[in-house]
Amino acid sequence: MESLKYLSKKYDNMKPEYNLVETAKNLAHLAHKGQFRRDGVTPYIEHPTKVAEFVSHMGSSDYFSKKLETVAWLHDVLEDSNFTVKDLLEQGIPDVIVNAVEVLTRTDDCQEYDNYLQKVADNDLARKVKIADMICNLMDDPTEKQKLKYFHGLRILLD
């Protein structure tokens, strides 16, 4: 991917932990370019932006907050784009963050929702980002079916 090569060069001379959130933000912008929310008008990137803003206040330390923000920016990248785990790792995203993003990614349409949520609940980074994701989705005019799904998910993740 040409745009990923550009990002690699851009961050080669910088410390990854210093630029982690900015790198994730740039990757999210590339991954979601041209995508829209379900209304067909709102650029999709507004969703990870809101989730990242939400989780920036959830960390117990600045370091943990940066990890949460990074996962938030990337939480839909693997699911909604051609980006792969390898792409994220090549951009300097640490294994612990890539793992949380993988946990948040529903790759199998047949994966039972409760099993998916239990997997998310077992990863602290993924759990906190998923809670923020669901809250942001609830603020985005969901259908009744989606509301029930998110409320069910929040009960499991907050238990």
Protein backbone atom coordinates (compact mmCIF):
# COMPACT_ATOMS: atom_id res chain seq x y z
CA MET A 1 0.00 0.00 0.00
CA GLU A 2 1.56 3.24 -1.16
CA SER A 3 0.05 5.34 1.63
CA LEU A 4 1.41 2.97 4.29
CA LYS A 5 4.91 3.28 2.83
CA TYR A 6 4.58 7.05 3.19
CA LEU A 7 3.62 6.71 6.86
CA SER A 8 6.54 4.35 7.50
CA LYS A 9 8.99 6.88 6.09
CA LYS A 10 7.33 9.71 7.97
CA TYR A 11 7.78 7.99 11.34
CA ASP A 12 11.10 6.19 10.79
CA ASN A 13 13.14 8.75 12.72
CA MET A 14 10.70 9.21 15.59
CA LYS A 15 10.16 7.17 18.73
CA PRO A 16 7.03 4.98 18.26
CA GLU A 17 5.69 5.55 21.79
CA TYR A 18 5.84 9.32 21.29
CA ASN A 19 3.86 9.13 18.05
CA LEU A 20 1.69 6.14 18.82
CA VAL A 21 -1.65 7.97 18.96
CA GLU A 22 -0.81 10.15 15.96
CA THR A 23 0.27 7.09 13.95
CA ALA A 24 -2.99 5.31 14.81
CA LYS A 25 -5.00 8.42 13.94
CA ASN A 26 -3.31 8.65 10.53
CA LEU A 27 -3.86 4.94 9.89
CA ALA A 28 -7.55 5.29 10.79
CA HIS A 29 -7.92 8.24 8.42
CA LEU A 30 -6.37 6.19 5.62
CA ALA A 31 -8.42 3.08 6.40
CA HIS A 32 -11.76 4.90 6.58
CA LYS A 33 -11.20 7.32 3.69
CA GLY A 34 -14.38 7.50 1.62
CA GLN A 35 -16.43 5.55 4.17
CA PHE A 36 -19.61 6.90 5.77
CA ARG A 37 -21.74 6.15 8.81
CA ARG A 38 -25.08 4.44 8.30
CA ASP A 39 -26.74 7.79 7.44
CA GLY A 40 -24.65 7.86 4.24
CA VAL A 41 -23.57 11.45 4.94
CA THR A 42 -21.38 11.48 8.05
CA PRO A 43 -17.74 10.59 7.32
CA TYR A 44 -16.95 7.33 9.14
CA ILE A 45 -13.79 8.80 10.68
CA GLU A 46 -16.02 10.80 13.04
CA HIS A 47 -16.83 7.55 14.88
CA PRO A 48 -13.26 6.54 15.85
CA THR A 49 -12.61 10.21 16.63
CA LYS A 50 -15.44 10.20 19.18
CA VAL A 51 -14.38 6.84 20.63
CA ALA A 52 -10.77 8.06 21.00
CA GLU A 53 -11.93 11.26 22.70
CA PHE A 54 -14.14 9.25 25.05
CA VAL A 55 -11.42 6.80 26.13
CA SER A 56 -8.77 9.49 26.55
CA HIS A 57 -10.31 10.06 30.01
CA MET A 58 -10.62 6.38 30.99
CA GLY A 59 -6.99 5.51 31.65
CA SER A 60 -5.50 5.17 35.11
CA SER A 61 -2.24 6.69 33.83
CA ASP A 62 -1.11 8.77 30.87
CA TYR A 63 0.60 5.70 29.41
CA PHE A 64 -2.55 3.56 29.68
CA SER A 65 -4.64 6.43 28.25
CA LYS A 66 -2.35 6.58 25.19
CA LYS A 67 -2.78 2.84 24.68
CA LEU A 68 -6.56 3.18 24.96
CA GLU A 69 -6.60 6.09 22.48
CA THR A 70 -4.47 4.10 20.04
CA VAL A 71 -6.79 1.09 20.21
CA ALA A 72 -9.80 3.40 19.84
CA TRP A 73 -8.46 4.95 16.63
CA LEU A 74 -7.77 1.48 15.22
CA HIS A 75 -10.76 -0.44 16.59
CA ASP A 76 -12.55 -0.76 13.21
CA VAL A 77 -9.52 -0.66 10.89
CA LEU A 78 -9.06 -4.43 10.47
CA GLU A 79 -12.80 -5.03 10.12
CA ASP A 80 -13.59 -2.20 7.69
CA SER A 81 -10.54 -1.91 5.44
CA ASN A 82 -7.85 -3.89 3.65
CA PHE A 83 -5.36 -3.22 6.43
CA THR A 84 -3.93 -6.29 8.12
CA VAL A 85 -2.29 -7.10 11.43
CA LYS A 86 1.02 -7.13 9.56
CA ASP A 87 0.37 -3.58 8.30
CA LEU A 88 -0.25 -2.34 11.84
CA LEU A 89 2.88 -4.03 13.17
CA GLU A 90 4.96 -2.62 10.30
CA GLN A 91 3.78 0.87 11.26
CA GLY A 92 5.20 0.36 14.76
CA ILE A 93 1.96 -0.41 16.56
CA PRO A 94 2.95 -2.57 19.57
CA ASP A 95 1.77 -6.18 19.87
CA VAL A 96 -0.39 -5.47 22.94
CA ILE A 97 -2.37 -2.87 20.99
CA VAL A 98 -2.62 -4.95 17.83
CA ASN A 99 -3.87 -7.83 19.97
CA ALA A 100 -6.61 -5.63 21.46
CA VAL A 101 -7.61 -4.48 17.96
CA GLU A 102 -7.74 -8.11 16.82
CA VAL A 103 -9.96 -8.99 19.78
CA LEU A 104 -12.33 -6.16 18.80
CA THR A 105 -12.47 -7.32 15.17
CA ARG A 106 -15.38 -9.59 14.31
CA THR A 107 -14.00 -11.61 11.43
CA ASP A 108 -16.51 -14.43 11.33
CA ASP A 109 -20.15 -13.52 10.66
CA CYS A 110 -21.13 -16.71 12.45
CA GLN A 111 -19.26 -15.79 15.64
CA GLU A 112 -21.83 -15.76 18.41
CA TYR A 113 -22.19 -12.27 19.89
CA ASP A 114 -21.93 -13.37 23.54
CA ASN A 115 -18.75 -15.35 22.79
CA TYR A 116 -17.30 -12.30 21.04
CA LEU A 117 -18.19 -10.10 24.03
CA GLN A 118 -16.60 -12.56 26.46
CA LYS A 119 -13.38 -12.45 24.42
CA VAL A 120 -13.53 -8.63 24.53
CA ALA A 121 -14.22 -8.66 28.28
CA ASP A 122 -11.05 -10.70 28.86
CA ASN A 123 -8.82 -7.98 27.35
CA ASP A 124 -8.82 -4.78 29.44
CA LEU A 125 -7.87 -2.47 26.55
CA ALA A 126 -10.45 -4.01 24.23
CA ARG A 127 -13.14 -3.99 26.93
CA LYS A 128 -12.79 -0.29 27.69
CA VAL A 129 -12.69 0.67 24.01
CA LYS A 130 -15.73 -1.52 23.25
CA ILE A 131 -17.68 0.15 26.08
CA ALA A 132 -16.82 3.55 24.60
CA ASP A 133 -17.69 2.27 21.12
CA MET A 134 -21.12 1.11 22.27
CA ILE A 135 -21.84 4.36 24.11
CA CYS A 136 -20.86 6.36 21.02
CA ASN A 137 -23.07 4.11 18.87
CA LEU A 138 -25.97 4.68 21.26
CA MET A 139 -25.56 8.43 20.79
CA ASP A 140 -25.70 8.01 17.00
CA ASP A 141 -29.43 7.38 16.43
CA PRO A 142 -29.39 3.57 16.55
CA THR A 143 -32.34 1.39 15.60
CA GLU A 144 -34.32 -0.32 18.36
CA LYS A 145 -32.59 -3.61 17.52
CA GLN A 146 -29.17 -1.94 17.82
CA LYS A 147 -30.14 -0.34 21.15
CA LEU A 148 -31.04 -3.75 22.57
CA LYS A 149 -27.79 -5.22 21.27
CA TYR A 150 -25.68 -2.42 22.79
CA PHE A 151 -27.51 -2.53 26.15
CA HIS A 152 -27.00 -6.30 26.27
CA GLY A 153 -23.32 -5.85 25.44
CA LEU A 154 -22.81 -3.13 28.04
CA ARG A 155 -24.36 -5.37 30.72
CA ILE A 156 -21.81 -8.08 29.90
CA LEU A 157 -18.82 -5.74 29.65
CA LEU A 158 -19.66 -3.76 32.78
CA ASP A 159 -20.38 -6.84 34.92
